[in-house]
Amino acid sequence: MTLKLIKQEVGPWPMNSYILVDEAAHTSAIVDPGADAARLLALTQGTQVAAVLVTHGHADHVGALDEVRSATGAPVFINPIDANGFNLQFDHTLSDGQLLTIGNQQLRAIHAPGHTPGMTCLDLGDGRILVGDTIFVGGPGKTWSAEDFGTTIQTMQQVVFKWPDETRFYPGHGPSGAIGQERPDFNAFIARGWPPDLHGDVTWEA
């Protein structure tokens, strides 16, 4: 038995919120409640919401956080670096390697800094990973300085592209992808090099 994964686009951007469901245990978790709380809560009907998981603190990922917390009473988990940096209230920290239980299933937190200092991925343990804005199809998450882009590249080399090729990643915007499909373009990007001041919206083809 694995966690059912439901993707819901919300907000004007739009961004991807996710619902994780252990159907046997009638238990769920909400990941990145960016907007449209009522739509997200409707997807959890028939389950107990055990947790609200926040990959990072940007406003488009937490716009409905207070409403969801109030409606469910579920504890909020986030890396404290982002909680403090974005002034977010939380109940429990998310730290690298931490195991979280949803019903009878477990997932693992992976610290993946770059887009934000506290960016956290959620490994479902079956080849699926929720990555927030760490990586998208075609490139990494946006950065606001060359230093942050350097951190992103470190995360790509030491974390993301250590995952097996068959790993499916589910980002905070746009479609899901596979590590194996991204790897050749990433390797080519590394081999070419990049200007020392590069940052912003970067693609592997840049």
N, C-alpha and C. Protein backbone atom coordinates (compact mmCIF):
# COMPACT_ATOMS: atom_id res chain seq x y z
N MET A 1 0.85 -1.20 0.00
CA MET A 1 0.00 0.00 0.00
C MET A 1 0.89 1.25 0.00
N THR A 2 0.57 2.20 -0.87
CA THR A 2 1.30 3.46 -0.93
C THR A 2 0.33 4.60 -0.74
N LEU A 3 0.86 5.77 -0.50
CA LEU A 3 0.03 6.95 -0.34
C LEU A 3 -0.54 7.39 -1.68
N LYS A 4 -1.83 7.64 -1.69
CA LYS A 4 -2.46 8.23 -2.87
C LYS A 4 -2.04 9.69 -2.95
N LEU A 5 -1.70 10.13 -4.15
CA LEU A 5 -1.23 11.50 -4.35
C LEU A 5 -2.21 12.23 -5.25
N ILE A 6 -2.78 13.31 -4.73
CA ILE A 6 -3.73 14.13 -5.48
C ILE A 6 -3.12 15.50 -5.69
N LYS A 7 -3.04 15.92 -6.93
CA LYS A 7 -2.53 17.25 -7.27
C LYS A 7 -3.69 18.20 -7.49
N GLN A 8 -3.60 19.39 -6.93
CA GLN A 8 -4.64 20.41 -7.12
C GLN A 8 -3.98 21.75 -7.41
N GLU A 9 -4.19 22.29 -8.59
CA GLU A 9 -3.70 23.63 -8.90
C GLU A 9 -4.58 24.66 -8.20
N VAL A 10 -3.92 25.61 -7.54
CA VAL A 10 -4.65 26.65 -6.81
C VAL A 10 -4.01 28.01 -7.07
N GLY A 11 -4.78 29.05 -6.81
CA GLY A 11 -4.24 30.40 -6.87
C GLY A 11 -4.08 30.92 -8.29
N PRO A 12 -3.75 32.19 -8.41
CA PRO A 12 -3.65 32.84 -9.71
C PRO A 12 -2.39 32.50 -10.50
N TRP A 13 -1.37 31.90 -9.85
CA TRP A 13 -0.09 31.70 -10.55
C TRP A 13 -0.19 30.72 -11.69
N PRO A 14 -0.68 29.48 -11.61
CA PRO A 14 -1.11 28.77 -10.42
C PRO A 14 0.06 27.98 -9.79
N MET A 15 -0.19 27.42 -8.60
CA MET A 15 0.79 26.54 -7.98
C MET A 15 0.11 25.22 -7.63
N ASN A 16 0.96 24.21 -7.39
CA ASN A 16 0.46 22.86 -7.12
C ASN A 16 0.43 22.59 -5.62
N SER A 17 -0.78 22.45 -5.09
CA SER A 17 -0.93 21.86 -3.76
C SER A 17 -1.12 20.36 -3.95
N TYR A 18 -0.78 19.60 -2.92
CA TYR A 18 -0.93 18.15 -3.00
C TYR A 18 -1.65 17.64 -1.75
N ILE A 19 -2.44 16.60 -1.96
CA ILE A 19 -3.06 15.87 -0.85
C ILE A 19 -2.48 14.46 -0.86
N LEU A 20 -1.98 14.02 0.28
CA LEU A 20 -1.51 12.65 0.46
C LEU A 20 -2.55 11.89 1.27
N VAL A 21 -2.93 10.72 0.80
CA VAL A 21 -4.00 9.97 1.47
C VAL A 21 -3.58 8.53 1.69
N ASP A 22 -3.68 8.08 2.94
CA ASP A 22 -3.63 6.65 3.24
C ASP A 22 -5.09 6.19 3.29
N GLU A 23 -5.53 5.59 2.20
CA GLU A 23 -6.96 5.25 2.09
C GLU A 23 -7.37 4.20 3.11
N ALA A 24 -6.49 3.26 3.42
CA ALA A 24 -6.84 2.22 4.39
C ALA A 24 -7.04 2.79 5.78
N ALA A 25 -6.25 3.80 6.12
CA ALA A 25 -6.32 4.39 7.46
C ALA A 25 -7.21 5.63 7.50
N HIS A 26 -7.77 6.02 6.35
CA HIS A 26 -8.64 7.21 6.27
C HIS A 26 -7.93 8.44 6.86
N THR A 27 -6.68 8.57 6.48
CA THR A 27 -5.84 9.66 7.00
C THR A 27 -5.19 10.39 5.83
N SER A 28 -5.02 11.70 5.99
CA SER A 28 -4.45 12.48 4.89
C SER A 28 -3.50 13.55 5.42
N ALA A 29 -2.79 14.17 4.49
CA ALA A 29 -1.97 15.34 4.78
C ALA A 29 -2.11 16.31 3.62
N ILE A 30 -2.03 17.59 3.91
CA ILE A 30 -2.09 18.62 2.90
C ILE A 30 -0.68 19.21 2.75
N VAL A 31 -0.20 19.28 1.51
CA VAL A 31 1.14 19.81 1.24
C VAL A 31 1.00 21.14 0.50
N ASP A 32 1.59 22.18 1.05
CA ASP A 32 1.62 23.51 0.43
C ASP A 32 0.23 24.06 0.11
N PRO A 33 -0.52 24.42 1.14
CA PRO A 33 -1.85 25.01 0.92
C PRO A 33 -1.74 26.47 0.47
N GLY A 34 -1.53 26.65 -0.82
CA GLY A 34 -1.22 27.98 -1.34
C GLY A 34 -2.42 28.90 -1.44
N ALA A 35 -3.60 28.35 -1.71
CA ALA A 35 -4.81 29.14 -1.89
C ALA A 35 -5.99 28.18 -1.94
N ASP A 36 -7.20 28.74 -2.06
CA ASP A 36 -8.41 27.94 -2.28
C ASP A 36 -8.58 26.85 -1.23
N ALA A 37 -8.60 27.25 0.02
CA ALA A 37 -8.67 26.29 1.13
C ALA A 37 -9.86 25.34 0.99
N ALA A 38 -11.01 25.87 0.58
CA ALA A 38 -12.21 25.03 0.49
C ALA A 38 -12.02 23.88 -0.50
N ARG A 39 -11.35 24.16 -1.62
CA ARG A 39 -11.10 23.10 -2.61
C ARG A 39 -10.17 22.04 -2.05
N LEU A 40 -9.16 22.47 -1.33
CA LEU A 40 -8.22 21.50 -0.74
C LEU A 40 -8.90 20.68 0.33
N LEU A 41 -9.67 21.31 1.18
CA LEU A 41 -10.35 20.59 2.25
C LEU A 41 -11.34 19.59 1.70
N ALA A 42 -12.00 19.93 0.59
CA ALA A 42 -12.95 19.00 -0.02
C ALA A 42 -12.27 17.71 -0.46
N LEU A 43 -11.01 17.81 -0.85
CA LEU A 43 -10.27 16.62 -1.29
C LEU A 43 -9.88 15.72 -0.13
N THR A 44 -10.01 16.19 1.07
CA THR A 44 -9.68 15.38 2.25
C THR A 44 -10.92 14.78 2.90
N GLN A 45 -12.08 14.97 2.31
CA GLN A 45 -13.32 14.47 2.92
C GLN A 45 -13.24 12.97 3.16
N GLY A 46 -13.73 12.55 4.32
CA GLY A 46 -13.69 11.14 4.69
C GLY A 46 -12.40 10.71 5.32
N THR A 47 -11.48 11.67 5.54
CA THR A 47 -10.21 11.36 6.17
C THR A 47 -9.96 12.32 7.34
N GLN A 48 -9.07 11.92 8.20
CA GLN A 48 -8.56 12.82 9.23
C GLN A 48 -7.26 13.43 8.71
N VAL A 49 -7.22 14.76 8.67
CA VAL A 49 -6.00 15.45 8.22
C VAL A 49 -4.99 15.41 9.37
N ALA A 50 -3.93 14.66 9.18
CA ALA A 50 -2.95 14.43 10.25
C ALA A 50 -1.87 15.49 10.28
N ALA A 51 -1.65 16.19 9.15
CA ALA A 51 -0.55 17.14 9.09
C ALA A 51 -0.74 18.09 7.92
N VAL A 52 -0.19 19.28 8.08
CA VAL A 52 -0.04 20.22 6.98
C VAL A 52 1.47 20.40 6.79
N LEU A 53 1.95 20.05 5.61
CA LEU A 53 3.38 20.03 5.33
C LEU A 53 3.72 21.16 4.37
N VAL A 54 4.71 21.97 4.72
CA VAL A 54 5.08 23.13 3.92
C VAL A 54 6.51 22.95 3.41
N THR A 55 6.66 22.92 2.08
CA THR A 55 7.99 22.71 1.51
C THR A 55 8.88 23.93 1.69
N HIS A 56 8.27 25.13 1.61
CA HIS A 56 9.04 26.36 1.80
C HIS A 56 8.08 27.52 2.05
N GLY A 57 8.63 28.65 2.46
CA GLY A 57 7.81 29.70 3.03
C GLY A 57 7.26 30.75 2.08
N HIS A 58 7.45 30.63 0.79
CA HIS A 58 6.96 31.65 -0.13
C HIS A 58 5.44 31.78 -0.08
N ALA A 59 4.97 33.01 -0.26
CA ALA A 59 3.56 33.33 -0.06
C ALA A 59 2.63 32.49 -0.92
N ASP A 60 3.03 32.18 -2.15
CA ASP A 60 2.13 31.42 -3.02
C ASP A 60 1.96 29.98 -2.57
N HIS A 61 2.78 29.51 -1.62
CA HIS A 61 2.66 28.15 -1.11
C HIS A 61 1.97 28.09 0.25
N VAL A 62 1.74 29.23 0.87
CA VAL A 62 1.17 29.23 2.22
C VAL A 62 -0.03 30.16 2.35
N GLY A 63 -0.59 30.62 1.24
CA GLY A 63 -1.67 31.60 1.30
C GLY A 63 -2.90 31.13 2.06
N ALA A 64 -3.17 29.82 2.04
CA ALA A 64 -4.33 29.27 2.74
C ALA A 64 -3.94 28.53 4.01
N LEU A 65 -2.70 28.72 4.46
CA LEU A 65 -2.21 27.94 5.60
C LEU A 65 -3.05 28.18 6.85
N ASP A 66 -3.31 29.43 7.19
CA ASP A 66 -4.06 29.71 8.42
C ASP A 66 -5.47 29.14 8.35
N GLU A 67 -6.11 29.25 7.19
CA GLU A 67 -7.47 28.74 7.05
C GLU A 67 -7.51 27.21 7.16
N VAL A 68 -6.55 26.56 6.54
CA VAL A 68 -6.48 25.10 6.60
C VAL A 68 -6.17 24.63 8.02
N ARG A 69 -5.24 25.31 8.67
CA ARG A 69 -4.91 24.95 10.06
C ARG A 69 -6.15 25.10 10.95
N SER A 70 -6.86 26.19 10.80
CA SER A 70 -8.04 26.45 11.62
C SER A 70 -9.13 25.42 11.38
N ALA A 71 -9.31 25.02 10.11
CA ALA A 71 -10.39 24.09 9.77
C ALA A 71 -10.10 22.67 10.21
N THR A 72 -8.84 22.28 10.21
CA THR A 72 -8.49 20.88 10.48
C THR A 72 -7.93 20.64 11.87
N GLY A 73 -7.33 21.67 12.47
CA GLY A 73 -6.62 21.47 13.72
C GLY A 73 -5.34 20.68 13.57
N ALA A 74 -4.92 20.44 12.32
CA ALA A 74 -3.73 19.62 12.07
C ALA A 74 -2.46 20.42 12.33
N PRO A 75 -1.43 19.78 12.85
CA PRO A 75 -0.16 20.47 13.09
C PRO A 75 0.54 20.83 11.79
N VAL A 76 1.23 21.95 11.80
CA VAL A 76 1.97 22.44 10.64
C VAL A 76 3.45 22.10 10.80
N PHE A 77 4.02 21.51 9.77
CA PHE A 77 5.43 21.14 9.74
C PHE A 77 6.14 21.99 8.69
N ILE A 78 7.28 22.58 9.05
CA ILE A 78 8.09 23.36 8.12
C ILE A 78 9.51 23.44 8.66
N ASN A 79 10.46 23.58 7.75
CA ASN A 79 11.83 23.82 8.20
C ASN A 79 11.87 25.16 8.93
N PRO A 80 12.42 25.21 10.14
CA PRO A 80 12.39 26.46 10.92
C PRO A 80 13.15 27.61 10.28
N ILE A 81 14.11 27.32 9.39
CA ILE A 81 14.81 28.41 8.71
C ILE A 81 13.81 29.24 7.91
N ASP A 82 12.93 28.55 7.17
CA ASP A 82 11.92 29.27 6.40
C ASP A 82 10.81 29.82 7.29
N ALA A 83 10.44 29.09 8.32
CA ALA A 83 9.40 29.60 9.23
C ALA A 83 9.83 30.93 9.82
N ASN A 84 11.06 31.01 10.27
CA ASN A 84 11.56 32.25 10.86
C ASN A 84 11.77 33.32 9.80
N GLY A 85 12.29 32.92 8.65
CA GLY A 85 12.58 33.88 7.59
C GLY A 85 11.34 34.51 6.99
N PHE A 86 10.24 33.77 7.00
CA PHE A 86 8.99 34.26 6.41
C PHE A 86 7.91 34.51 7.45
N ASN A 87 8.31 34.47 8.72
CA ASN A 87 7.40 34.79 9.83
C ASN A 87 6.13 33.93 9.80
N LEU A 88 6.32 32.61 9.77
CA LEU A 88 5.21 31.68 9.71
C LEU A 88 5.09 30.93 11.04
N GLN A 89 3.86 30.78 11.49
CA GLN A 89 3.59 30.00 12.70
C GLN A 89 3.62 28.52 12.34
N PHE A 90 4.23 27.71 13.20
CA PHE A 90 4.27 26.27 12.94
C PHE A 90 4.26 25.51 14.25
N ASP A 91 4.03 24.20 14.13
CA ASP A 91 3.95 23.34 15.32
C ASP A 91 5.16 22.42 15.45
N HIS A 92 5.66 21.94 14.32
CA HIS A 92 6.77 20.99 14.34
C HIS A 92 7.76 21.34 13.23
N THR A 93 9.01 21.08 13.49
CA THR A 93 10.04 21.34 12.49
C THR A 93 10.11 20.20 11.47
N LEU A 94 10.60 20.55 10.29
CA LEU A 94 10.97 19.57 9.27
C LEU A 94 12.48 19.64 9.11
N SER A 95 13.17 18.57 9.41
CA SER A 95 14.62 18.56 9.29
C SER A 95 15.05 17.41 8.39
N ASP A 96 16.25 17.53 7.85
CA ASP A 96 16.75 16.56 6.89
C ASP A 96 16.77 15.15 7.47
N GLY A 97 16.16 14.22 6.76
CA GLY A 97 16.13 12.83 7.20
C GLY A 97 14.98 12.49 8.13
N GLN A 98 14.21 13.48 8.54
CA GLN A 98 13.11 13.25 9.48
C GLN A 98 12.04 12.39 8.83
N LEU A 99 11.53 11.42 9.58
CA LEU A 99 10.45 10.56 9.12
C LEU A 99 9.12 11.09 9.63
N LEU A 100 8.12 11.10 8.78
CA LEU A 100 6.78 11.57 9.12
C LEU A 100 5.79 10.45 8.83
N THR A 101 4.83 10.27 9.71
CA THR A 101 3.84 9.21 9.56
C THR A 101 2.50 9.78 9.16
N ILE A 102 1.95 9.26 8.06
CA ILE A 102 0.61 9.61 7.60
C ILE A 102 -0.19 8.32 7.58
N GLY A 103 -1.07 8.16 8.53
CA GLY A 103 -1.77 6.88 8.66
C GLY A 103 -0.78 5.80 8.99
N ASN A 104 -0.72 4.80 8.12
CA ASN A 104 0.23 3.70 8.31
C ASN A 104 1.45 3.82 7.40
N GLN A 105 1.58 4.95 6.73
CA GLN A 105 2.66 5.15 5.78
C GLN A 105 3.66 6.18 6.31
N GLN A 106 4.88 6.09 5.81
CA GLN A 106 5.91 7.04 6.22
C GLN A 106 6.48 7.77 5.01
N LEU A 107 6.88 9.01 5.22
CA LEU A 107 7.63 9.74 4.22
C LEU A 107 8.82 10.39 4.91
N ARG A 108 9.78 10.83 4.10
CA ARG A 108 11.04 11.34 4.65
C ARG A 108 11.32 12.74 4.12
N ALA A 109 11.70 13.64 5.02
CA ALA A 109 12.05 15.01 4.64
C ALA A 109 13.49 15.07 4.14
N ILE A 110 13.70 15.86 3.09
CA ILE A 110 15.04 16.04 2.51
C ILE A 110 15.30 17.54 2.38
N HIS A 111 16.30 18.05 3.08
CA HIS A 111 16.64 19.46 2.98
C HIS A 111 17.30 19.72 1.63
N ALA A 112 16.78 20.72 0.90
CA ALA A 112 17.25 21.00 -0.46
C ALA A 112 17.34 22.51 -0.68
N PRO A 113 18.27 23.19 0.00
CA PRO A 113 18.33 24.65 -0.06
C PRO A 113 18.74 25.18 -1.43
N GLY A 114 18.37 26.43 -1.66
CA GLY A 114 18.70 27.10 -2.91
C GLY A 114 17.61 28.11 -3.24
N HIS A 115 16.45 27.63 -3.65
CA HIS A 115 15.30 28.50 -3.92
C HIS A 115 14.94 29.28 -2.66
N THR A 116 14.93 28.60 -1.53
CA THR A 116 14.90 29.23 -0.20
C THR A 116 15.88 28.46 0.68
N PRO A 117 16.32 29.07 1.79
CA PRO A 117 17.28 28.37 2.66
C PRO A 117 16.71 27.12 3.31
N GLY A 118 15.41 27.10 3.55
CA GLY A 118 14.81 25.96 4.24
C GLY A 118 14.03 25.02 3.35
N MET A 119 14.19 25.15 2.04
CA MET A 119 13.44 24.30 1.11
C MET A 119 13.56 22.83 1.49
N THR A 120 12.42 22.13 1.50
CA THR A 120 12.38 20.74 1.92
C THR A 120 11.58 19.91 0.93
N CYS A 121 12.16 18.80 0.48
CA CYS A 121 11.45 17.84 -0.36
C CYS A 121 10.86 16.75 0.53
N LEU A 122 9.85 16.06 0.01
CA LEU A 122 9.17 15.01 0.75
C LEU A 122 9.20 13.72 -0.07
N ASP A 123 9.99 12.77 0.39
CA ASP A 123 10.18 11.49 -0.30
C ASP A 123 9.12 10.51 0.17
N LEU A 124 8.26 10.07 -0.76
CA LEU A 124 7.18 9.16 -0.39
C LEU A 124 7.65 7.72 -0.25
N GLY A 125 8.91 7.46 -0.60
CA GLY A 125 9.49 6.15 -0.35
C GLY A 125 9.23 5.12 -1.42
N ASP A 126 8.58 5.54 -2.52
CA ASP A 126 8.24 4.60 -3.58
C ASP A 126 8.65 5.13 -4.95
N GLY A 127 9.66 6.00 -4.96
CA GLY A 127 10.11 6.57 -6.22
C GLY A 127 9.42 7.87 -6.58
N ARG A 128 8.57 8.39 -5.69
CA ARG A 128 7.91 9.69 -5.91
C ARG A 128 8.40 10.67 -4.84
N ILE A 129 8.76 11.87 -5.28
CA ILE A 129 9.24 12.89 -4.35
C ILE A 129 8.56 14.21 -4.67
N LEU A 130 7.96 14.83 -3.66
CA LEU A 130 7.41 16.17 -3.78
C LEU A 130 8.57 17.15 -3.55
N VAL A 131 8.84 18.01 -4.51
CA VAL A 131 10.09 18.80 -4.47
C VAL A 131 9.87 20.29 -4.24
N GLY A 132 8.63 20.73 -4.01
CA GLY A 132 8.42 22.16 -3.87
C GLY A 132 8.94 22.87 -5.11
N ASP A 133 9.71 23.95 -4.92
CA ASP A 133 10.29 24.66 -6.06
C ASP A 133 11.79 24.39 -6.20
N THR A 134 12.22 23.20 -5.79
CA THR A 134 13.63 22.82 -5.91
C THR A 134 14.03 22.66 -7.37
N ILE A 135 13.22 21.91 -8.11
CA ILE A 135 13.51 21.60 -9.51
C ILE A 135 12.20 21.50 -10.28
N PHE A 136 12.25 21.94 -11.53
CA PHE A 136 11.13 21.82 -12.44
C PHE A 136 11.59 21.07 -13.69
N VAL A 137 10.65 20.69 -14.53
CA VAL A 137 11.03 20.15 -15.83
C VAL A 137 11.76 21.25 -16.59
N GLY A 138 13.04 21.01 -16.89
CA GLY A 138 13.82 21.96 -17.67
C GLY A 138 14.77 22.84 -16.89
N GLY A 139 14.70 22.82 -15.57
CA GLY A 139 15.62 23.68 -14.83
C GLY A 139 15.31 23.74 -13.35
N PRO A 140 16.15 24.46 -12.60
CA PRO A 140 15.97 24.57 -11.15
C PRO A 140 15.01 25.68 -10.78
N GLY A 141 14.66 25.76 -9.51
CA GLY A 141 13.84 26.84 -9.02
C GLY A 141 14.56 28.18 -9.09
N LYS A 142 13.78 29.24 -9.16
CA LYS A 142 14.34 30.59 -9.27
C LYS A 142 15.21 30.93 -8.07
N THR A 143 16.28 31.67 -8.34
CA THR A 143 17.13 32.19 -7.27
C THR A 143 17.28 33.70 -7.42
N TRP A 144 17.65 34.35 -6.31
CA TRP A 144 17.69 35.81 -6.28
C TRP A 144 19.10 36.37 -6.13
N SER A 145 20.09 35.49 -6.14
CA SER A 145 21.48 35.92 -6.09
C SER A 145 22.36 34.81 -6.64
N ALA A 146 23.58 35.19 -7.06
CA ALA A 146 24.53 34.20 -7.54
C ALA A 146 24.90 33.20 -6.44
N GLU A 147 24.93 33.70 -5.20
CA GLU A 147 25.23 32.81 -4.08
C GLU A 147 24.15 31.75 -3.92
N ASP A 148 22.88 32.17 -4.03
CA ASP A 148 21.78 31.21 -3.93
C ASP A 148 21.81 30.22 -5.09
N PHE A 149 22.19 30.70 -6.28
CA PHE A 149 22.27 29.78 -7.41
C PHE A 149 23.39 28.76 -7.17
N GLY A 150 24.49 29.19 -6.58
CA GLY A 150 25.54 28.26 -6.23
C GLY A 150 25.06 27.19 -5.25
N THR A 151 24.24 27.62 -4.28
CA THR A 151 23.66 26.66 -3.34
C THR A 151 22.75 25.69 -4.06
N THR A 152 21.97 26.20 -5.02
CA THR A 152 21.09 25.33 -5.81
C THR A 152 21.89 24.28 -6.56
N ILE A 153 22.99 24.68 -7.18
CA ILE A 153 23.81 23.72 -7.92
C ILE A 153 24.38 22.66 -6.98
N GLN A 154 24.80 23.08 -5.79
CA GLN A 154 25.26 22.11 -4.79
C GLN A 154 24.16 21.11 -4.46
N THR A 155 22.95 21.61 -4.26
CA THR A 155 21.81 20.74 -3.95
C THR A 155 21.54 19.79 -5.11
N MET A 156 21.63 20.29 -6.34
CA MET A 156 21.42 19.41 -7.50
C MET A 156 22.45 18.28 -7.53
N GLN A 157 23.72 18.64 -7.29
CA GLN A 157 24.79 17.66 -7.39
C GLN A 157 24.81 16.68 -6.23
N GLN A 158 24.53 17.18 -5.04
CA GLN A 158 24.69 16.36 -3.83
C GLN A 158 23.40 15.67 -3.39
N VAL A 159 22.25 16.17 -3.88
CA VAL A 159 20.97 15.62 -3.44
C VAL A 159 20.15 15.13 -4.63
N VAL A 160 19.66 16.06 -5.43
CA VAL A 160 18.63 15.74 -6.42
C VAL A 160 19.12 14.72 -7.45
N PHE A 161 20.29 14.96 -8.03
CA PHE A 161 20.75 14.05 -9.08
C PHE A 161 21.51 12.84 -8.53
N LYS A 162 21.41 12.63 -7.22
CA LYS A 162 21.79 11.36 -6.60
C LYS A 162 20.61 10.39 -6.62
N TRP A 163 19.42 10.91 -6.89
CA TRP A 163 18.24 10.04 -6.94
C TRP A 163 18.29 9.19 -8.20
N PRO A 164 17.70 7.99 -8.17
CA PRO A 164 17.69 7.12 -9.36
C PRO A 164 16.96 7.78 -10.54
N ASP A 165 17.34 7.37 -11.73
CA ASP A 165 16.73 7.92 -12.94
C ASP A 165 15.21 7.79 -12.95
N GLU A 166 14.70 6.71 -12.39
CA GLU A 166 13.25 6.47 -12.45
C GLU A 166 12.46 7.30 -11.45
N THR A 167 13.14 8.04 -10.59
CA THR A 167 12.45 8.87 -9.60
C THR A 167 11.56 9.90 -10.30
N ARG A 168 10.30 9.96 -9.90
CA ARG A 168 9.37 10.97 -10.39
C ARG A 168 9.34 12.12 -9.39
N PHE A 169 9.51 13.34 -9.89
CA PHE A 169 9.45 14.50 -9.00
C PHE A 169 8.20 15.33 -9.31
N TYR A 170 7.61 15.86 -8.25
CA TYR A 170 6.35 16.60 -8.34
C TYR A 170 6.60 18.00 -7.79
N PRO A 171 6.71 18.99 -8.67
CA PRO A 171 7.08 20.33 -8.25
C PRO A 171 5.90 21.20 -7.85
N GLY A 172 6.24 22.39 -7.35
CA GLY A 172 5.23 23.34 -6.90
C GLY A 172 4.54 24.09 -8.02
N HIS A 173 5.02 23.96 -9.24
CA HIS A 173 4.40 24.58 -10.40
C HIS A 173 4.65 23.68 -11.60
N GLY A 174 3.68 23.57 -12.48
CA GLY A 174 3.88 22.83 -13.71
C GLY A 174 3.80 21.33 -13.56
N PRO A 175 4.23 20.61 -14.61
CA PRO A 175 4.08 19.16 -14.63
C PRO A 175 5.16 18.43 -13.83
N SER A 176 4.87 17.18 -13.54
CA SER A 176 5.87 16.32 -12.91
C SER A 176 6.89 15.89 -13.96
N GLY A 177 8.02 15.39 -13.47
CA GLY A 177 9.08 14.96 -14.37
C GLY A 177 9.81 13.75 -13.81
N ALA A 178 10.81 13.31 -14.54
CA ALA A 178 11.64 12.17 -14.12
C ALA A 178 13.10 12.60 -14.08
N ILE A 179 13.80 12.18 -13.06
CA ILE A 179 15.21 12.55 -12.91
C ILE A 179 16.02 12.10 -14.12
N GLY A 180 15.75 10.91 -14.63
CA GLY A 180 16.50 10.41 -15.77
C GLY A 180 16.33 11.27 -17.01
N GLN A 181 15.17 11.89 -17.17
CA GLN A 181 14.93 12.75 -18.32
C GLN A 181 15.67 14.08 -18.17
N GLU A 182 15.86 14.53 -16.94
CA GLU A 182 16.55 15.81 -16.69
C GLU A 182 18.07 15.66 -16.66
N ARG A 183 18.55 14.48 -16.34
CA ARG A 183 19.98 14.29 -16.08
C ARG A 183 20.88 14.68 -17.26
N PRO A 184 20.58 14.28 -18.50
CA PRO A 184 21.50 14.65 -19.59
C PRO A 184 21.64 16.16 -19.75
N ASP A 185 20.53 16.89 -19.67
CA ASP A 185 20.59 18.34 -19.82
C ASP A 185 21.31 18.99 -18.64
N PHE A 186 21.10 18.45 -17.45
CA PHE A 186 21.82 18.97 -16.28
C PHE A 186 23.32 18.74 -16.42
N ASN A 187 23.69 17.53 -16.81
CA ASN A 187 25.12 17.23 -16.98
C ASN A 187 25.76 18.12 -18.04
N ALA A 188 25.01 18.39 -19.11
CA ALA A 188 25.53 19.27 -20.16
C ALA A 188 25.69 20.70 -19.64
N PHE A 189 24.76 21.14 -18.81
CA PHE A 189 24.85 22.47 -18.20
C PHE A 189 26.10 22.58 -17.34
N ILE A 190 26.35 21.58 -16.52
CA ILE A 190 27.53 21.58 -15.65
C ILE A 190 28.80 21.59 -16.48
N ALA A 191 28.81 20.80 -17.56
CA ALA A 191 30.01 20.70 -18.39
C ALA A 191 30.31 22.03 -19.10
N ARG A 192 29.28 22.77 -19.49
CA ARG A 192 29.48 24.04 -20.18
C ARG A 192 29.97 25.13 -19.24
N GLY A 193 29.52 25.07 -17.97
CA GLY A 193 29.80 26.15 -17.04
C GLY A 193 28.81 27.28 -17.20
N TRP A 194 28.94 28.31 -16.36
CA TRP A 194 27.99 29.41 -16.39
C TRP A 194 28.65 30.67 -15.85
N PRO A 195 28.12 31.83 -16.21
CA PRO A 195 28.70 33.09 -15.72
C PRO A 195 28.65 33.17 -14.19
N PRO A 196 29.62 33.80 -13.57
CA PRO A 196 29.68 33.83 -12.10
C PRO A 196 28.51 34.56 -11.45
N ASP A 197 27.81 35.42 -12.20
CA ASP A 197 26.69 36.17 -11.63
C ASP A 197 25.34 35.57 -12.01
N LEU A 198 25.32 34.36 -12.55
CA LEU A 198 24.06 33.78 -13.02
C LEU A 198 23.11 33.52 -11.86
N HIS A 199 21.86 33.90 -12.02
CA HIS A 199 20.79 33.58 -11.09
C HIS A 199 19.47 33.96 -11.75
N GLY A 200 18.38 33.84 -11.01
CA GLY A 200 17.06 34.13 -11.57
C GLY A 200 16.42 32.88 -12.12
N ASP A 201 15.63 33.04 -13.19
CA ASP A 201 14.97 31.89 -13.83
C ASP A 201 15.94 31.28 -14.84
N VAL A 202 16.57 30.20 -14.44
CA VAL A 202 17.60 29.55 -15.25
C VAL A 202 17.05 28.24 -15.79
N THR A 203 17.41 27.90 -17.02
CA THR A 203 17.09 26.58 -17.56
C THR A 203 18.39 25.83 -17.82
N TRP A 204 18.30 24.52 -17.92
CA TRP A 204 19.51 23.74 -18.19
C TRP A 204 20.09 24.06 -19.56
N GLU A 205 19.28 24.64 -20.43
CA GLU A 205 19.76 24.98 -21.77
C GLU A 205 20.38 26.36 -21.82
N ALA A 206 20.32 27.12 -20.70
CA ALA A 206 20.83 28.50 -20.70
C ALA A 206 22.33 28.53 -20.92
